[in-house]
């Protein structure tokens, strides 16, 4: 029986799994910040970090998105 699932060369890591996890990370990672002591609504301060970074990349017409690997580990070790 053969499988049509692609893996990263030399590993058993499935590329579709990596794609799904990366998309979830980009869409959901929120950088930990101090809680607003002024009683502000914390919901609006918790915009996904990399969504904001992607907007900056677009607005500045850059071609690179810098990703902090410690963010990836904090999100999904």
N, C-alpha and C. Protein backbone atom coordinates (compact mmCIF):
# COMPACT_ATOMS: atom_id res chain seq x y z
N UNK A 1 0.84 -1.17 0.00
CA UNK A 1 0.00 0.00 0.00
C UNK A 1 0.89 1.24 0.00
N UNK A 2 0.65 2.17 -0.91
CA UNK A 2 1.44 3.39 -0.99
C UNK A 2 0.65 4.57 -0.44
N UNK A 3 1.37 5.58 -0.07
CA UNK A 3 0.75 6.79 0.49
C UNK A 3 1.09 7.98 -0.40
N UNK A 4 0.13 8.86 -0.59
CA UNK A 4 0.36 10.07 -1.37
C UNK A 4 0.77 11.24 -0.48
N UNK A 5 1.04 10.98 0.77
CA UNK A 5 1.41 12.02 1.71
C UNK A 5 2.89 12.36 1.54
N UNK A 6 3.18 13.63 1.31
CA UNK A 6 4.56 14.07 1.17
C UNK A 6 5.17 14.28 2.55
N UNK A 7 6.45 13.96 2.65
CA UNK A 7 7.18 14.15 3.90
C UNK A 7 8.41 15.00 3.61
N UNK A 8 8.92 15.65 4.66
CA UNK A 8 10.17 16.39 4.53
C UNK A 8 11.29 15.38 4.34
N UNK A 9 12.16 15.65 3.39
CA UNK A 9 13.21 14.71 3.03
C UNK A 9 14.02 14.31 4.24
N UNK A 10 14.21 13.02 4.42
CA UNK A 10 15.01 12.48 5.50
C UNK A 10 14.29 12.40 6.85
N UNK A 11 12.99 12.68 6.87
CA UNK A 11 12.22 12.64 8.12
C UNK A 11 10.92 11.90 7.88
N UNK A 12 10.13 11.80 8.93
CA UNK A 12 8.77 11.27 8.79
C UNK A 12 7.74 12.38 9.05
N UNK A 13 8.18 13.64 8.91
CA UNK A 13 7.31 14.80 9.15
C UNK A 13 6.49 15.05 7.88
N UNK A 14 5.17 15.01 8.03
CA UNK A 14 4.28 15.20 6.90
C UNK A 14 4.12 16.70 6.59
N UNK A 15 4.29 17.05 5.32
CA UNK A 15 4.24 18.46 4.93
C UNK A 15 2.86 19.07 5.16
N UNK A 16 1.80 18.30 4.98
CA UNK A 16 0.47 18.86 5.19
C UNK A 16 0.25 19.20 6.66
N UNK A 17 0.82 18.43 7.57
CA UNK A 17 0.73 18.72 9.00
C UNK A 17 1.46 20.02 9.33
N UNK A 18 2.64 20.19 8.74
CA UNK A 18 3.42 21.41 8.97
C UNK A 18 2.65 22.62 8.44
N UNK A 19 2.05 22.50 7.27
CA UNK A 19 1.29 23.60 6.68
C UNK A 19 0.11 24.00 7.57
N UNK A 20 -0.60 23.02 8.08
CA UNK A 20 -1.76 23.29 8.95
C UNK A 20 -1.31 23.98 10.24
N UNK A 21 -0.25 23.45 10.86
CA UNK A 21 0.23 24.03 12.12
C UNK A 21 0.79 25.44 11.91
N UNK A 22 1.47 25.67 10.81
CA UNK A 22 2.00 27.00 10.53
C UNK A 22 0.87 28.01 10.32
N UNK A 23 -0.15 27.60 9.60
CA UNK A 23 -1.30 28.49 9.38
C UNK A 23 -1.99 28.82 10.70
N UNK A 24 -2.17 27.82 11.57
CA UNK A 24 -2.78 28.05 12.88
C UNK A 24 -1.93 29.00 13.71
N UNK A 25 -0.61 28.82 13.67
CA UNK A 25 0.31 29.69 14.41
C UNK A 25 0.20 31.13 13.93
N UNK A 26 0.30 31.34 12.63
CA UNK A 26 0.23 32.70 12.06
C UNK A 26 -1.08 33.37 12.42
N UNK A 27 -2.17 32.63 12.35
CA UNK A 27 -3.49 33.21 12.59
C UNK A 27 -3.85 33.38 14.07
N UNK A 28 -3.14 32.68 14.96
CA UNK A 28 -3.58 32.67 16.36
C UNK A 28 -2.56 33.10 17.40
N UNK A 29 -1.28 33.19 17.05
CA UNK A 29 -0.28 33.52 18.07
C UNK A 29 -0.50 34.94 18.58
N UNK A 30 -0.58 35.06 19.90
CA UNK A 30 -0.72 36.36 20.55
C UNK A 30 0.45 36.51 21.51
N UNK A 31 1.20 37.57 21.33
CA UNK A 31 2.34 37.82 22.20
C UNK A 31 1.85 38.16 23.60
N UNK A 32 2.48 37.56 24.59
CA UNK A 32 2.09 37.83 25.98
C UNK A 32 2.49 39.25 26.33
N UNK A 33 1.53 40.01 26.86
CA UNK A 33 1.77 41.39 27.25
C UNK A 33 1.23 41.62 28.65
N UNK A 34 1.67 42.69 29.24
CA UNK A 34 1.14 43.08 30.54
C UNK A 34 -0.34 43.39 30.39
N UNK A 35 -1.13 43.01 31.39
CA UNK A 35 -2.55 43.31 31.38
C UNK A 35 -2.75 44.80 31.63
N UNK A 36 -3.64 45.39 30.88
CA UNK A 36 -3.94 46.82 30.99
C UNK A 36 -4.49 47.13 32.38
N UNK A 37 -3.74 47.90 33.15
CA UNK A 37 -4.13 48.22 34.52
C UNK A 37 -5.16 49.35 34.57
N UNK A 38 -5.42 50.00 33.44
CA UNK A 38 -6.37 51.12 33.41
C UNK A 38 -7.80 50.65 33.20
N UNK A 39 -8.00 49.35 33.20
CA UNK A 39 -9.35 48.81 33.02
C UNK A 39 -9.79 48.76 31.57
N UNK A 40 -8.83 48.91 30.63
CA UNK A 40 -9.15 48.86 29.22
C UNK A 40 -9.61 47.47 28.81
N UNK A 41 -10.25 47.38 27.68
CA UNK A 41 -10.75 46.09 27.20
C UNK A 41 -9.60 45.30 26.60
N UNK A 42 -9.19 44.24 27.27
CA UNK A 42 -8.06 43.42 26.86
C UNK A 42 -8.31 42.73 25.52
N UNK A 43 -9.56 42.52 25.15
CA UNK A 43 -9.90 41.82 23.91
C UNK A 43 -9.30 42.53 22.70
N UNK A 44 -9.32 43.85 22.69
CA UNK A 44 -8.85 44.59 21.53
C UNK A 44 -7.33 44.64 21.45
N UNK A 45 -6.66 44.40 22.56
CA UNK A 45 -5.20 44.40 22.59
C UNK A 45 -4.64 43.05 22.16
N UNK A 46 -5.47 42.05 22.00
CA UNK A 46 -4.99 40.70 21.72
C UNK A 46 -5.18 40.31 20.26
N UNK A 47 -4.71 41.18 19.37
CA UNK A 47 -4.73 40.89 17.95
C UNK A 47 -3.59 39.92 17.65
N UNK A 48 -3.82 38.92 16.82
CA UNK A 48 -2.73 37.99 16.49
C UNK A 48 -1.48 38.72 16.00
N UNK A 49 -0.37 38.43 16.62
CA UNK A 49 0.90 39.12 16.41
C UNK A 49 1.34 39.08 14.94
N UNK A 50 1.32 37.89 14.34
CA UNK A 50 1.85 37.77 12.97
C UNK A 50 0.87 38.27 11.92
N UNK A 51 -0.39 38.38 12.25
CA UNK A 51 -1.33 39.02 11.33
C UNK A 51 -0.96 40.50 11.21
N UNK A 52 -0.65 41.12 12.35
CA UNK A 52 -0.20 42.52 12.33
C UNK A 52 1.11 42.67 11.58
N UNK A 53 2.03 41.73 11.78
CA UNK A 53 3.31 41.77 11.08
C UNK A 53 3.12 41.61 9.57
N UNK A 54 2.19 40.75 9.16
CA UNK A 54 1.91 40.59 7.73
C UNK A 54 1.35 41.87 7.13
N UNK A 55 0.52 42.57 7.89
CA UNK A 55 -0.01 43.86 7.43
C UNK A 55 1.12 44.87 7.25
N UNK A 56 2.08 44.88 8.19
CA UNK A 56 3.24 45.77 8.07
C UNK A 56 4.06 45.42 6.83
N UNK A 57 4.28 44.14 6.60
CA UNK A 57 5.04 43.70 5.43
C UNK A 57 4.35 44.18 4.15
N UNK A 58 3.03 44.04 4.11
CA UNK A 58 2.27 44.51 2.94
C UNK A 58 2.37 46.01 2.78
N UNK A 59 2.13 46.74 3.86
CA UNK A 59 2.12 48.20 3.79
C UNK A 59 3.48 48.78 3.42
N UNK A 60 4.55 48.15 3.89
CA UNK A 60 5.90 48.62 3.59
C UNK A 60 6.47 48.01 2.32
N UNK A 61 5.67 47.15 1.68
CA UNK A 61 6.05 46.47 0.44
C UNK A 61 7.35 45.67 0.61
N UNK A 62 7.46 44.98 1.74
CA UNK A 62 8.61 44.12 2.00
C UNK A 62 8.34 42.74 1.43
N UNK A 63 9.37 41.91 1.39
CA UNK A 63 9.20 40.55 0.86
C UNK A 63 9.54 39.47 1.89
N UNK A 64 9.82 39.89 3.14
CA UNK A 64 10.24 38.94 4.17
C UNK A 64 9.42 39.15 5.44
N UNK A 65 8.97 38.06 6.02
CA UNK A 65 8.32 38.08 7.33
C UNK A 65 9.26 37.40 8.30
N UNK A 66 9.79 38.17 9.26
CA UNK A 66 10.65 37.59 10.28
C UNK A 66 9.79 36.88 11.32
N UNK A 67 10.13 35.63 11.59
CA UNK A 67 9.40 34.83 12.58
C UNK A 67 10.36 34.46 13.70
N UNK A 68 9.97 34.74 14.92
CA UNK A 68 10.77 34.43 16.10
C UNK A 68 10.50 32.96 16.48
N UNK A 69 11.52 32.13 16.41
CA UNK A 69 11.33 30.70 16.70
C UNK A 69 10.89 30.44 18.13
N UNK A 70 11.22 31.35 19.05
CA UNK A 70 10.75 31.17 20.42
C UNK A 70 9.23 31.35 20.48
N UNK A 71 8.66 32.13 19.57
CA UNK A 71 7.20 32.26 19.48
C UNK A 71 6.58 30.94 19.04
N UNK A 72 7.21 30.29 18.07
CA UNK A 72 6.70 29.01 17.58
C UNK A 72 6.73 27.99 18.72
N UNK A 73 7.83 27.95 19.45
CA UNK A 73 7.96 27.00 20.55
C UNK A 73 6.96 27.30 21.67
N UNK A 74 6.76 28.58 21.96
CA UNK A 74 5.79 28.97 23.01
C UNK A 74 4.37 28.58 22.60
N UNK A 75 4.08 28.65 21.31
CA UNK A 75 2.75 28.32 20.82
C UNK A 75 2.50 26.82 20.79
N UNK A 76 3.50 26.07 20.31
CA UNK A 76 3.32 24.61 20.17
C UNK A 76 4.68 23.91 20.30
N UNK A 77 5.06 23.60 21.54
CA UNK A 77 6.38 22.95 21.75
C UNK A 77 6.45 21.58 21.09
